[in-house]
C-alpha atoms as a PDB file:
ATOM      1  CA  UNK A   1      18.514   1.118  12.866  1.00  0.00           C
ATOM      2  CA  UNK A   2      15.309   3.045  12.160  1.00  0.00           C
ATOM      3  CA  UNK A   3      12.812   1.281   9.881  1.00  0.00           C
ATOM      4  CA  UNK A   4      12.383   2.167   6.204  1.00  0.00           C
ATOM      5  CA  UNK A   5       9.019   3.035   4.646  1.00  0.00           C
ATOM      6  CA  UNK A   6       8.447   2.370   0.934  1.00  0.00           C
ATOM      7  CA  UNK A   7       5.635   4.309  -0.773  1.00  0.00           C
ATOM      8  CA  UNK A   8       4.052   3.015  -3.985  1.00  0.00           C
ATOM      9  CA  UNK A   9       3.466   6.221  -5.964  1.00  0.00           C
ATOM     10  CA  UNK A  10       3.936   5.142  -9.574  1.00  0.00           C
ATOM     11  CA  UNK A  11       0.292   4.265 -10.287  1.00  0.00           C
ATOM     12  CA  UNK A  12      -1.593   5.646 -13.250  1.00  0.00           C
ATOM     13  CA  UNK A  13      -4.661   6.576 -11.154  1.00  0.00           C
ATOM     14  CA  UNK A  14      -6.907   5.402 -13.989  1.00  0.00           C
ATOM     15  CA  UNK A  15     -10.183   5.152 -12.053  1.00  0.00           C
ATOM     16  CA  UNK A  16      -9.647   8.476 -10.309  1.00  0.00           C
ATOM     17  CA  UNK A  17      -8.765  10.463 -13.417  1.00  0.00           C
ATOM     18  CA  UNK A  18      -5.683  12.403 -12.302  1.00  0.00           C
ATOM     19  CA  UNK A  19      -2.509  12.395 -10.237  1.00  0.00           C
ATOM     20  CA  UNK A  20      -4.188  11.867  -6.867  1.00  0.00           C
ATOM     21  CA  UNK A  21      -0.788  11.176  -5.269  1.00  0.00           C
ATOM     22  CA  UNK A  22      -0.016  14.909  -5.303  1.00  0.00           C
ATOM     23  CA  UNK A  23      -3.503  16.358  -4.770  1.00  0.00           C
ATOM     24  CA  UNK A  24      -3.874  18.515  -1.645  1.00  0.00           C
ATOM     25  CA  UNK A  25      -6.342  17.355   1.019  1.00  0.00           C
ATOM     26  CA  UNK A  26      -5.071  19.118   4.168  1.00  0.00           C
ATOM     27  CA  UNK A  27      -5.636  22.750   5.261  1.00  0.00           C
ATOM     28  CA  UNK A  28      -2.354  23.850   3.640  1.00  0.00           C
ATOM     29  CA  UNK A  29      -2.528  21.593   0.607  1.00  0.00           C
ATOM     30  CA  UNK A  30      -1.020  18.558   2.346  1.00  0.00           C
ATOM     31  CA  UNK A  31      -1.292  15.350   0.320  1.00  0.00           C
ATOM     32  CA  UNK A  32      -2.391  12.034   1.802  1.00  0.00           C
ATOM     33  CA  UNK A  33       1.266  10.997   1.539  1.00  0.00           C
ATOM     34  CA  UNK A  34       2.286  13.907   3.754  1.00  0.00           C
ATOM     35  CA  UNK A  35       0.169  12.507   6.585  1.00  0.00           C
ATOM     36  CA  UNK A  36       1.554   8.984   6.092  1.00  0.00           C
ATOM     37  CA  UNK A  37       5.136  10.289   6.196  1.00  0.00           C
ATOM     38  CA  UNK A  38       4.360  12.450   9.232  1.00  0.00           C
ATOM     39  CA  UNK A  39       2.872   9.424  11.040  1.00  0.00           C
ATOM     40  CA  UNK A  40       5.850   7.278  10.015  1.00  0.00           C
ATOM     41  CA  UNK A  41       8.350   9.817  11.398  1.00  0.00           C
ATOM     42  CA  UNK A  42       6.377   9.981  14.672  1.00  0.00           C
ATOM     43  CA  UNK A  43       6.454   6.158  14.838  1.00  0.00           C
ATOM     44  CA  UNK A  44      10.245   6.112  14.420  1.00  0.00           C
ATOM     45  CA  UNK A  45      10.810   5.483  10.694  1.00  0.00           C
ATOM     46  CA  UNK A  46      14.071   7.020   9.518  1.00  0.00           C
ATOM     47  CA  UNK A  47      13.945   6.684   5.725  1.00  0.00           C
ATOM     48  CA  UNK A  48      11.304   6.897   3.016  1.00  0.00           C
ATOM     49  CA  UNK A  49      11.735   5.392  -0.454  1.00  0.00           C
ATOM     50  CA  UNK A  50       9.337   6.752  -3.074  1.00  0.00           C
ATOM     51  CA  UNK A  51       8.617   4.533  -6.082  1.00  0.00           C
ATOM     52  CA  UNK A  52       7.558   6.921  -8.845  1.00  0.00           C
ATOM     53  CA  UNK A  53       7.429   7.276 -12.605  1.00  0.00           C
ATOM     54  CA  UNK A  54      10.439   9.007 -14.055  1.00  0.00           C
ATOM     55  CA  UNK A  55       8.295  11.327 -16.184  1.00  0.00           C
ATOM     56  CA  UNK A  56       6.942  13.177 -13.144  1.00  0.00           C
ATOM     57  CA  UNK A  57      10.033  12.846 -10.930  1.00  0.00           C
ATOM     58  CA  UNK A  58      11.029  16.521 -11.120  1.00  0.00           C
ATOM     59  CA  UNK A  59       7.663  17.933 -10.027  1.00  0.00           C
ATOM     60  CA  UNK A  60       7.341  15.204  -7.393  1.00  0.00           C
ATOM     61  CA  UNK A  61      10.707  16.054  -5.856  1.00  0.00           C
ATOM     62  CA  UNK A  62       9.934  19.781  -5.918  1.00  0.00           C
ATOM     63  CA  UNK A  63       6.766  19.036  -3.943  1.00  0.00           C
ATOM     64  CA  UNK A  64       8.307  16.819  -1.260  1.00  0.00           C
ATOM     65  CA  UNK A  65      11.990  17.645  -0.804  1.00  0.00           C
ATOM     66  CA  UNK A  66      11.550  21.082   0.811  1.00  0.00           C
ATOM     67  CA  UNK A  67       9.074  19.651   3.345  1.00  0.00           C
ATOM     68  CA  UNK A  68      11.092  16.597   4.306  1.00  0.00           C
ATOM     69  CA  UNK A  69      14.596  18.100   4.439  1.00  0.00           C
ATOM     70  CA  UNK A  70      16.089  17.439   7.875  1.00  0.00           C
ATOM     71  CA  UNK A  71      13.088  15.356   8.990  1.00  0.00           C
ATOM     72  CA  UNK A  72      13.563  12.026   7.219  1.00  0.00           C
ATOM     73  CA  UNK A  73      15.964  10.675   4.608  1.00  0.00           C
ATOM     74  CA  UNK A  74      14.248  10.448   1.189  1.00  0.00           C
ATOM     75  CA  UNK A  75      15.224   8.334  -1.816  1.00  0.00           C
ATOM     76  CA  UNK A  76      13.594   7.812  -5.211  1.00  0.00           C
ATOM     77  CA  UNK A  77      13.219   4.700  -7.334  1.00  0.00           C
ATOM     78  CA  UNK A  78      11.751   4.660 -10.835  1.00  0.00           C
ATOM     79  CA  UNK A  79       9.460   1.839 -11.877  1.00  0.00           C
ATOM     80  CA  UNK A  80      10.154   1.116 -15.543  1.00  0.00           C
ATOM     81  CA  UNK A  81       8.472  -1.355 -17.843  1.00  0.00           C
ATOM     82  CA  UNK A  82      11.787  -2.871 -18.922  1.00  0.00           C
ATOM     83  CA  UNK A  83      13.202  -3.355 -15.392  1.00  0.00           C
ATOM     84  CA  UNK A  84      14.014  -7.006 -14.562  1.00  0.00           C
ATOM     85  CA  UNK A  85      12.573  -8.263 -17.854  1.00  0.00           C
ATOM     86  CA  UNK A  86      16.005  -9.493 -18.998  1.00  0.00           C
ATOM     87  CA  UNK A  87      16.247 -10.461 -22.650  1.00  0.00           C
ATOM     88  CA  UNK A  88      12.519 -11.175 -22.980  1.00  0.00           C
ATOM     89  CA  UNK A  89      10.597  -9.238 -25.647  1.00  0.00           C
ATOM     90  CA  UNK A  90       7.988  -6.858 -24.235  1.00  0.00           C
ATOM     91  CA  UNK A  91       4.782  -6.858 -26.339  1.00  0.00           C
ATOM     92  CA  UNK A  92       4.367  -3.664 -28.393  1.00  0.00           C
ATOM     93  CA  UNK A  93       0.939  -2.938 -26.873  1.00  0.00           C
ATOM     94  CA  UNK A  94       2.230  -3.132 -23.275  1.00  0.00           C
ATOM     95  CA  UNK A  95       2.518   0.426 -21.885  1.00  0.00           C
ATOM     96  CA  UNK A  96       2.186   0.204 -18.098  1.00  0.00           C
ATOM     97  CA  UNK A  97       4.636  -1.476 -15.687  1.00  0.00           C
ATOM     98  CA  UNK A  98       4.031  -4.874 -14.125  1.00  0.00           C
ATOM     99  CA  UNK A  99       2.271  -4.084 -10.821  1.00  0.00           C
ATOM    100  CA  UNK A 100       3.042  -3.483  -7.168  1.00  0.00           C
ATOM    101  CA  UNK A 101       5.446  -6.375  -6.507  1.00  0.00           C
ATOM    102  CA  UNK A 102       7.404  -5.350  -9.606  1.00  0.00           C
ATOM    103  CA  UNK A 103       7.555  -1.835  -8.124  1.00  0.00           C
ATOM    104  CA  UNK A 104       9.173  -3.245  -4.970  1.00  0.00           C
ATOM    105  CA  UNK A 105      11.579  -5.241  -7.101  1.00  0.00           C
ATOM    106  CA  UNK A 106      12.734  -1.936  -8.621  1.00  0.00           C
ATOM    107  CA  UNK A 107      14.011  -1.051  -5.103  1.00  0.00           C
ATOM    108  CA  UNK A 108      16.572  -3.872  -5.201  1.00  0.00           C
ATOM    109  CA  UNK A 109      19.568  -1.497  -5.247  1.00  0.00           C
ATOM    110  CA  UNK A 110      18.369   0.621  -2.312  1.00  0.00           C
ATOM    111  CA  UNK A 111      16.724  -1.982  -0.029  1.00  0.00           C
ATOM    112  CA  UNK A 112      18.779  -4.565   1.830  1.00  0.00           C
ATOM    113  CA  UNK A 113      16.974  -4.288   5.186  1.00  0.00           C
ATOM    114  CA  UNK A 114      13.431  -5.055   6.426  1.00  0.00           C
ATOM    115  CA  UNK A 115      10.850  -2.441   5.411  1.00  0.00           C
ATOM    116  CA  UNK A 116       7.169  -1.481   5.421  1.00  0.00           C
ATOM    117  CA  UNK A 117       5.266  -0.671   2.228  1.00  0.00           C
ATOM    118  CA  UNK A 118       2.095   1.389   1.690  1.00  0.00           C
ATOM    119  CA  UNK A 119       0.067   2.921  -1.143  1.00  0.00           C
ATOM    120  CA  UNK A 120       0.603   6.632  -1.801  1.00  0.00           C
ATOM    121  CA  UNK A 121      -3.087   7.437  -2.063  1.00  0.00           C
ATOM    122  CA  UNK A 122      -4.332   5.709   1.106  1.00  0.00           C
ATOM    123  CA  UNK A 123      -4.648   7.348   4.536  1.00  0.00           C
ATOM    124  CA  UNK A 124      -3.705   4.703   7.100  1.00  0.00           C
ATOM    125  CA  UNK A 125      -3.784   6.461  10.487  1.00  0.00           C
ATOM    126  CA  UNK A 126      -1.143   6.671  13.214  1.00  0.00           C
ATOM    127  CA  UNK A 127      -1.753   3.285  14.825  1.00  0.00           C
ATOM    128  CA  UNK A 128      -0.822   1.334  11.698  1.00  0.00           C
ATOM    129  CA  UNK A 129       2.622   2.958  11.552  1.00  0.00           C
ATOM    130  CA  UNK A 130       3.247   2.456  15.272  1.00  0.00           C
ATOM    131  CA  UNK A 131       2.434  -1.245  14.937  1.00  0.00           C
ATOM    132  CA  UNK A 132       4.500  -1.626  11.756  1.00  0.00           C
ATOM    133  CA  UNK A 133       7.555   0.013  13.365  1.00  0.00           C
ATOM    134  CA  UNK A 134       7.210  -2.167  16.467  1.00  0.00           C
ATOM    135  CA  UNK A 135       7.015  -5.334  14.341  1.00  0.00           C
ATOM    136  CA  UNK A 136      10.056  -4.381  12.251  1.00  0.00           C
ATOM    137  CA  UNK A 137      12.047  -3.438  15.350  1.00  0.00           C
ATOM    138  CA  UNK A 138      11.219  -6.558  17.367  1.00  0.00           C
ATOM    139  CA  UNK A 139       9.932  -9.478  15.266  1.00  0.00           C
ATOM    140  CA  UNK A 140      10.496  -9.328  11.510  1.00  0.00           C
ATOM    141  CA  UNK A 141      12.665 -12.090  10.048  1.00  0.00           C
ATOM    142  CA  UNK A 142      13.368 -13.729   6.704  1.00  0.00           C
ATOM    143  CA  UNK A 143      10.644 -16.242   7.595  1.00  0.00           C
ATOM    144  CA  UNK A 144       8.231 -13.837   9.337  1.00  0.00           C
ATOM    145  CA  UNK A 145       6.480 -10.959   7.578  1.00  0.00           C
ATOM    146  CA  UNK A 146       3.370  -9.015   8.629  1.00  0.00           C
ATOM    147  CA  UNK A 147       0.248  -7.447   7.204  1.00  0.00           C
ATOM    148  CA  UNK A 148      -1.456  -4.553   8.989  1.00  0.00           C
ATOM    149  CA  UNK A 149      -5.108  -5.619   8.866  1.00  0.00           C
ATOM    150  CA  UNK A 150      -7.861  -2.981   8.854  1.00  0.00           C
ATOM    151  CA  UNK A 151     -11.426  -3.560  10.074  1.00  0.00           C
ATOM    152  CA  UNK A 152     -13.673  -3.714   7.011  1.00  0.00           C
ATOM    153  CA  UNK A 153     -16.148  -1.196   8.430  1.00  0.00           C
ATOM    154  CA  UNK A 154     -13.336   1.402   8.562  1.00  0.00           C
ATOM    155  CA  UNK A 155     -12.475   1.053   4.859  1.00  0.00           C
ATOM    156  CA  UNK A 156     -15.765   1.529   2.988  1.00  0.00           C
ATOM    157  CA  UNK A 157     -16.657   4.300   0.520  1.00  0.00           C
ATOM    158  CA  UNK A 158     -19.903   6.277   0.640  1.00  0.00           C
ATOM    159  CA  UNK A 159     -19.715   6.617  -3.148  1.00  0.00           C
ATOM    160  CA  UNK A 160     -19.906   3.068  -4.399  1.00  0.00           C
ATOM    161  CA  UNK A 161     -18.894  -0.513  -3.839  1.00  0.00           C
ATOM    162  CA  UNK A 162     -15.259  -1.372  -3.084  1.00  0.00           C
ATOM    163  CA  UNK A 163     -12.918  -4.275  -3.716  1.00  0.00           C
ATOM    164  CA  UNK A 164     -11.117  -5.616  -0.648  1.00  0.00           C
ATOM    165  CA  UNK A 165      -8.745  -8.439   0.095  1.00  0.00           C
ATOM    166  CA  UNK A 166     -10.482 -10.289   2.944  1.00  0.00           C
ATOM    167  CA  UNK A 167      -7.937 -11.952   5.239  1.00  0.00           C
ATOM    168  CA  UNK A 168      -8.273 -15.648   6.034  1.00  0.00           C
ATOM    169  CA  UNK A 169      -6.489 -15.970   9.402  1.00  0.00           C
ATOM    170  CA  UNK A 170      -5.531 -19.113  11.352  1.00  0.00           C
ATOM    171  CA  UNK A 171      -5.774 -19.661  15.129  1.00  0.00           C
ATOM    172  CA  UNK A 172      -2.228 -18.278  15.592  1.00  0.00           C
ATOM    173  CA  UNK A 173      -3.090 -14.966  13.959  1.00  0.00           C
ATOM    174  CA  UNK A 174      -1.218 -15.784  10.742  1.00  0.00           C
ATOM    175  CA  UNK A 175      -2.473 -15.234   7.219  1.00  0.00           C
ATOM    176  CA  UNK A 176      -3.716 -18.343   5.427  1.00  0.00           C
ATOM    177  CA  UNK A 177      -4.735 -16.496   2.276  1.00  0.00           C
ATOM    178  CA  UNK A 178      -6.559 -13.454   0.936  1.00  0.00           C
ATOM    179  CA  UNK A 179      -9.966 -13.720  -0.724  1.00  0.00           C
ATOM    180  CA  UNK A 180     -10.489 -10.930  -3.243  1.00  0.00           C
ATOM    181  CA  UNK A 181     -14.038  -9.577  -2.920  1.00  0.00           C
ATOM    182  CA  UNK A 182     -14.899  -7.135  -5.677  1.00  0.00           C
ATOM    183  CA  UNK A 183     -18.354  -5.819  -4.807  1.00  0.00           C
ATOM    184  CA  UNK A 184     -18.551  -4.886  -1.099  1.00  0.00           C
ATOM    185  CA  UNK A 185     -21.020  -2.254   0.102  1.00  0.00           C
ATOM    186  CA  UNK A 186     -23.298  -1.242   2.970  1.00  0.00           C
ATOM    187  CA  UNK A 187     -26.841  -2.563   2.777  1.00  0.00           C
ATOM    188  CA  UNK A 188     -29.078  -1.083   5.472  1.00  0.00           C
ATOM    189  CA  UNK A 189     -27.246  -1.905   8.724  1.00  0.00           C
ATOM    190  CA  UNK A 190     -25.033  -4.661   7.332  1.00  0.00           C
ATOM    191  CA  UNK A 191     -21.983  -5.012   5.074  1.00  0.00           C
ATOM    192  CA  UNK A 192     -22.363  -7.423   2.172  1.00  0.00           C
ATOM    193  CA  UNK A 193     -20.544  -8.593  -0.914  1.00  0.00           C
ATOM    194  CA  UNK A 194     -22.102  -9.889  -4.117  1.00  0.00           C
ATOM    195  CA  UNK A 195     -20.684 -12.749  -6.121  1.00  0.00           C
ATOM    196  CA  UNK A 196     -22.371 -14.645  -8.957  1.00  0.00           C
ATOM    197  CA  UNK A 197     -25.779 -13.302  -7.947  1.00  0.00           C
ATOM    198  CA  UNK A 198     -25.478 -14.334  -4.279  1.00  0.00           C
ATOM    199  CA  UNK A 199     -25.239 -11.814  -1.415  1.00  0.00           C
ATOM    200  CA  UNK A 200     -23.105 -12.673   1.634  1.00  0.00           C
ATOM    201  CA  UNK A 201     -22.907 -10.728   4.901  1.00  0.00           C
ATOM    202  CA  UNK A 202     -19.460  -9.793   6.264  1.00  0.00           C
ATOM    203  CA  UNK A 203     -18.758  -8.886   9.903  1.00  0.00           C
ATOM    204  CA  UNK A 204     -17.766  -5.217  10.408  1.00  0.00           C
ATOM    205  CA  UNK A 205     -14.502  -6.222  12.149  1.00  0.00           C
ATOM    206  CA  UNK A 206     -13.453  -8.583   9.325  1.00  0.00           C
ATOM    207  CA  UNK A 207      -9.761  -7.877   8.703  1.00  0.00           C
ATOM    208  CA  UNK A 208      -8.903  -6.715   5.199  1.00  0.00           C
ATOM    209  CA  UNK A 209      -5.645  -5.930   3.452  1.00  0.00           C
ATOM    210  CA  UNK A 210      -5.050  -2.322   2.416  1.00  0.00           C
ATOM    211  CA  UNK A 211      -1.603  -3.171   1.012  1.00  0.00           C
ATOM    212  CA  UNK A 212       0.267  -2.204   4.212  1.00  0.00           C
ATOM    213  CA  UNK A 213       2.911  -4.917   4.613  1.00  0.00           C
ATOM    214  CA  UNK A 214       6.114  -5.385   6.600  1.00  0.00           C
ATOM    215  CA  UNK A 215       8.722  -7.531   4.855  1.00  0.00           C
ATOM    216  CA  UNK A 216      12.054  -9.047   5.814  1.00  0.00           C
ATOM    217  CA  UNK A 217      15.169  -8.611   3.693  1.00  0.00           C
ATOM    218  CA  UNK A 218      14.429 -11.946   1.992  1.00  0.00           C
ATOM    219  CA  UNK A 219      11.417 -10.477   0.149  1.00  0.00           C
ATOM    220  CA  UNK A 220      13.191  -8.735  -2.739  1.00  0.00           C
ATOM    221  CA  UNK A 221      15.253 -11.760  -3.906  1.00  0.00           C
ATOM    222  CA  UNK A 222      12.162 -13.957  -3.539  1.00  0.00           C
ATOM    223  CA  UNK A 223      10.073 -11.495  -5.594  1.00  0.00           C
ATOM    224  CA  UNK A 224      12.772 -11.434  -8.279  1.00  0.00           C
ATOM    225  CA  UNK A 225      12.590 -15.214  -8.625  1.00  0.00           C
ATOM    226  CA  UNK A 226       8.768 -15.164  -8.827  1.00  0.00           C
ATOM    227  CA  UNK A 227       8.769 -12.289 -11.311  1.00  0.00           C
ATOM    228  CA  UNK A 228      10.796 -14.355 -13.766  1.00  0.00           C
ATOM    229  CA  UNK A 229       8.228 -17.149 -13.465  1.00  0.00           C
ATOM    230  CA  UNK A 230       5.388 -14.632 -13.861  1.00  0.00           C
ATOM    231  CA  UNK A 231       6.880 -13.229 -17.078  1.00  0.00           C
ATOM    232  CA  UNK A 232       7.454 -16.691 -18.537  1.00  0.00           C
ATOM    233  CA  UNK A 233       3.701 -17.335 -18.238  1.00  0.00           C
ATOM    234  CA  UNK A 234       2.103 -13.891 -18.571  1.00  0.00           C
ATOM    235  CA  UNK A 235       4.331 -11.500 -20.496  1.00  0.00           C
ATOM    236  CA  UNK A 236       1.971 -11.588 -23.489  1.00  0.00           C
ATOM    237  CA  UNK A 237      -1.218 -11.072 -21.419  1.00  0.00           C
ATOM    238  CA  UNK A 238      -1.980  -7.345 -21.972  1.00  0.00           C
ATOM    239  CA  UNK A 239      -3.129  -6.391 -18.454  1.00  0.00           C
ATOM    240  CA  UNK A 240      -1.263  -8.991 -16.393  1.00  0.00           C
ATOM    241  CA  UNK A 241       0.191  -7.625 -13.135  1.00  0.00           C
ATOM    242  CA  UNK A 242       2.621  -8.968 -10.542  1.00  0.00           C
ATOM    243  CA  UNK A 243       1.019  -8.052  -7.201  1.00  0.00           C
ATOM    244  CA  UNK A 244       2.375  -7.838  -3.645  1.00  0.00           C
ATOM    245  CA  UNK A 245      -0.482  -9.895  -2.069  1.00  0.00           C
ATOM    246  CA  UNK A 246      -0.002 -12.723  -4.587  1.00  0.00           C
ATOM    247  CA  UNK A 247       3.735 -12.748  -3.823  1.00  0.00           C
ATOM    248  CA  UNK A 248       3.112 -12.841  -0.057  1.00  0.00           C
ATOM    249  CA  UNK A 249       0.550 -15.610  -0.605  1.00  0.00           C
ATOM    250  CA  UNK A 250       3.067 -17.660  -2.612  1.00  0.00           C
ATOM    251  CA  UNK A 251       5.655 -17.144   0.166  1.00  0.00           C
ATOM    252  CA  UNK A 252       3.203 -18.873   2.540  1.00  0.00           C
ATOM    253  CA  UNK A 253       2.283 -21.606   0.039  1.00  0.00           C
ATOM    254  CA  UNK A 254       5.969 -22.357  -0.607  1.00  0.00           C
ATOM    255  CA  UNK A 255       6.417 -23.003   3.127  1.00  0.00           C
ATOM    256  CA  UNK A 256       9.048 -20.282   3.464  1.00  0.00           C
ATOM    257  CA  UNK A 257       7.459 -18.662   6.521  1.00  0.00           C
ATOM    258  CA  UNK A 258       4.446 -16.893   7.987  1.00  0.00           C
ATOM    259  CA  UNK A 259       2.693 -13.564   7.522  1.00  0.00           C
ATOM    260  CA  UNK A 260       1.299 -12.314  10.828  1.00  0.00           C
ATOM    261  CA  UNK A 261      -1.906 -10.251  10.640  1.00  0.00           C
ATOM    262  CA  UNK A 262      -1.609  -7.286  13.000  1.00  0.00           C
ATOM    263  CA  UNK A 263      -5.029  -5.727  13.527  1.00  0.00           C
ATOM    264  CA  UNK A 264      -5.644  -2.005  13.782  1.00  0.00           C
ATOM    265  CA  UNK A 265      -8.863  -0.095  14.422  1.00  0.00           C
ATOM    266  CA  UNK A 266      -7.467   2.979  12.668  1.00  0.00           C
ATOM    267  CA  UNK A 267      -9.821   4.597  10.145  1.00  0.00           C
ATOM    268  CA  UNK A 268      -8.660   4.220   6.559  1.00  0.00           C
ATOM    269  CA  UNK A 269      -9.614   6.753   3.898  1.00  0.00           C
ATOM    270  CA  UNK A 270      -8.952   6.518   0.217  1.00  0.00           C
ATOM    271  CA  UNK A 271      -9.854   8.205  -3.032  1.00  0.00           C
ATOM    272  CA  UNK A 272     -11.084   5.319  -5.149  1.00  0.00           C
ATOM    273  CA  UNK A 273     -13.674   7.587  -6.786  1.00  0.00           C
ATOM    274  CA  UNK A 274     -13.388  11.290  -7.663  1.00  0.00           C
ATOM    275  CA  UNK A 275     -16.410  11.835  -5.382  1.00  0.00           C
ATOM    276  CA  UNK A 276     -14.388  10.516  -2.415  1.00  0.00           C
ATOM    277  CA  UNK A 277     -12.135  13.594  -2.434  1.00  0.00           C
ATOM    278  CA  UNK A 278     -14.567  15.871  -0.553  1.00  0.00           C
ATOM    279  CA  UNK A 279     -15.068  13.254   2.181  1.00  0.00           C
ATOM    280  CA  UNK A 280     -11.313  12.745   2.567  1.00  0.00           C
ATOM    281  CA  UNK A 281     -10.796  16.512   2.936  1.00  0.00           C
ATOM    282  CA  UNK A 282     -13.572  16.610   5.550  1.00  0.00           C
ATOM    283  CA  UNK A 283     -12.050  13.683   7.466  1.00  0.00           C
ATOM    284  CA  UNK A 284      -8.554  15.208   7.421  1.00  0.00           C
ATOM    285  CA  UNK A 285      -9.858  18.597   8.578  1.00  0.00           C
ATOM    286  CA  UNK A 286     -11.748  16.877  11.418  1.00  0.00           C
ATOM    287  CA  UNK A 287      -8.504  15.203  12.561  1.00  0.00           C
ATOM    288  CA  UNK A 288      -6.709  18.564  12.437  1.00  0.00           C
ATOM    289  CA  UNK A 289      -9.537  20.216  14.425  1.00  0.00           C
ATOM    290  CA  UNK A 290      -9.314  17.436  17.053  1.00  0.00           C
ATOM    291  CA  UNK A 291      -5.585  18.108  17.528  1.00  0.00           C
ATOM    292  CA  UNK A 292      -4.441  14.794  15.992  1.00  0.00           C
ATOM    293  CA  UNK A 293      -2.348  16.761  13.454  1.00  0.00           C
ATOM    294  CA  UNK A 294      -1.048  20.356  13.390  1.00  0.00           C
ATOM    295  CA  UNK A 295      -2.872  22.677  10.977  1.00  0.00           C
ATOM    296  CA  UNK A 296       0.408  23.294   9.147  1.00  0.00           C
ATOM    297  CA  UNK A 297       1.831  19.798   9.087  1.00  0.00           C
ATOM    298  CA  UNK A 298       5.462  20.666   8.359  1.00  0.00           C
ATOM    299  CA  UNK A 299       5.638  23.971  10.252  1.00  0.00           C
END
């Protein structure tokens, strides 16, 4: 069976100030998602599940369905605030859904097999998809997941500091935990992060999480159990979110299995800041000029 790719595309894009998921960056208006899907097809993925908001479903489908017809099977899942809340009362001031792991939980009816998950607005590069497909096809299990780890130096922005989940990895190459670093930037020839007034140097090849995971079929039922516990404690906290990395971390802490960190030297681009858009377009056009992608991606 060909692997399934899940794309998290329901975000509000608050920092960016627009629907960056459907902004064109390629020579013919290709979105970042187009390149991820293209790379996934090349790596052997056979199905893509888009998690989107129902209010922009029609325009989203009109954008993607004509391109993908006959190339990969596409399905759509809507992330809704009330999904999996049960009979709990949602606070009146809560408007946005419950985060990335809740988004995956909304796929319960369409996902019963192992899968990979990525962000819609991140460019991951071919190698990540090749390694994810190989892991899903040969190693994934209910007690063995994976994280595609990117070298920190390949994930920085020229337009400001970034937040990254720095991977803590044991001698067997498995994830011990993720340290959230919120103020990482280049300083002269080094990469540093600031915390409580102290500056710490990070090695350029430090592996960081860009939310590219491979999960076994056990993940969704496990996430559903944890989501209930999350709501019992945090439903009334206005900006509380149920995140994928925290869920994967709890999976390890509960002794249910391991998360292997699979390193890639692929260059990651993202549009954290509006000013990043020009650099992403430049990077994509350079890849097209080098022959890595056709000028008209879908022919």
